[in-house]
């Protein structure tokens, strides 16, 4: 919430995206396991080598403000946000 994001990606211990949660959802659960059981939105993901114009267009069409960049193994390696 402090960074102006409406949601944040939730990752497993290996770095694979599990979904997205709002700041309110994150604060309302006791622990990460409880949060992951109640995730309602998938994380919006693209390969890290996707051209920026394609990534930006994809993000603009989604109900998310964060696009998770993943490598060939599906592990998060970065993110692009609509908030700059």
Protein backbone atom coordinates (compact mmCIF):
# COMPACT_ATOMS: atom_id res chain seq x y z
CA UNK A 1 0.00 0.00 0.00
CA UNK A 2 2.88 2.38 0.78
CA UNK A 3 4.21 1.99 -2.78
CA UNK A 4 0.84 2.77 -4.34
CA UNK A 5 0.24 -0.75 -5.60
CA UNK A 6 -3.26 -2.13 -5.53
CA UNK A 7 -1.96 -5.69 -5.47
CA UNK A 8 1.24 -7.66 -5.20
CA UNK A 9 2.27 -11.03 -6.59
CA UNK A 10 2.44 -13.92 -4.13
CA UNK A 11 5.25 -16.42 -4.79
CA UNK A 12 5.98 -19.91 -3.48
CA UNK A 13 9.33 -20.64 -1.81
CA UNK A 14 10.90 -21.49 -5.17
CA UNK A 15 9.78 -18.16 -6.66
CA UNK A 16 6.87 -19.41 -8.78
CA UNK A 17 3.89 -17.01 -8.91
CA UNK A 18 0.84 -18.37 -7.09
CA UNK A 19 -1.49 -15.43 -7.56
CA UNK A 20 -2.01 -11.81 -6.62
CA UNK A 21 -3.27 -10.29 -3.38
CA UNK A 22 -4.27 -6.78 -2.37
CA UNK A 23 -2.62 -5.06 0.58
CA UNK A 24 -5.86 -5.52 2.51
CA UNK A 25 -5.91 -9.24 1.81
CA UNK A 26 -2.29 -9.60 2.87
CA UNK A 27 -2.97 -7.79 6.14
CA UNK A 28 -6.15 -9.75 6.89
CA UNK A 29 -4.57 -13.21 7.02
CA UNK A 30 -2.53 -14.62 9.87
CA UNK A 31 0.20 -16.23 7.75
CA UNK A 32 1.29 -16.89 4.18
CA UNK A 33 -0.28 -20.36 4.09
CA UNK A 34 -3.69 -18.91 4.94
CA UNK A 35 -3.22 -16.16 2.35
CA UNK A 36 -2.31 -18.63 -0.41
CA UNK A 37 -5.40 -20.74 0.36
CA UNK A 38 -7.60 -17.70 -0.26
CA UNK A 39 -6.00 -16.19 -3.37
CA UNK A 40 -8.72 -15.09 -5.77
CA UNK A 41 -6.71 -13.65 -8.65
CA UNK A 42 -3.96 -15.23 -10.73
CA UNK A 43 -0.67 -13.42 -11.09
CA UNK A 44 -0.33 -11.90 -14.55
CA UNK A 45 2.93 -13.34 -15.93
CA UNK A 46 5.05 -13.09 -19.06
CA UNK A 47 8.44 -14.40 -20.08
CA UNK A 48 11.32 -12.09 -19.17
CA UNK A 49 12.30 -11.70 -22.85
CA UNK A 50 8.89 -10.41 -23.94
CA UNK A 51 9.24 -7.08 -25.78
CA UNK A 52 8.30 -4.14 -23.53
CA UNK A 53 5.55 -2.93 -25.88
CA UNK A 54 3.84 -6.33 -25.73
CA UNK A 55 4.25 -6.47 -21.94
CA UNK A 56 2.83 -2.95 -21.54
CA UNK A 57 -0.13 -3.70 -23.78
CA UNK A 58 -0.85 -6.94 -21.89
CA UNK A 59 -0.68 -5.18 -18.54
CA UNK A 60 -3.03 -2.45 -19.76
CA UNK A 61 -5.63 -5.09 -20.68
CA UNK A 62 -5.50 -6.85 -17.31
CA UNK A 63 -7.16 -6.03 -13.99
CA UNK A 64 -3.74 -5.92 -12.37
CA UNK A 65 -1.14 -3.25 -11.86
CA UNK A 66 1.80 -5.68 -11.81
CA UNK A 67 3.12 -7.97 -14.52
CA UNK A 68 5.44 -10.66 -13.16
CA UNK A 69 8.39 -11.51 -15.40
CA UNK A 70 9.35 -15.19 -15.30
CA UNK A 71 12.28 -17.18 -16.67
CA UNK A 72 12.14 -20.47 -18.63
CA UNK A 73 11.44 -22.38 -15.40
CA UNK A 74 8.50 -20.13 -14.46
CA UNK A 75 10.42 -18.48 -11.62
CA UNK A 76 9.78 -14.78 -11.03
CA UNK A 77 12.82 -12.71 -11.96
CA UNK A 78 11.28 -9.23 -11.99
CA UNK A 79 8.15 -7.20 -12.49
CA UNK A 80 6.71 -4.34 -14.48
CA UNK A 81 4.17 -2.09 -12.81
CA UNK A 82 1.69 0.37 -14.21
CA UNK A 83 2.47 2.86 -11.45
CA UNK A 84 6.04 3.55 -12.55
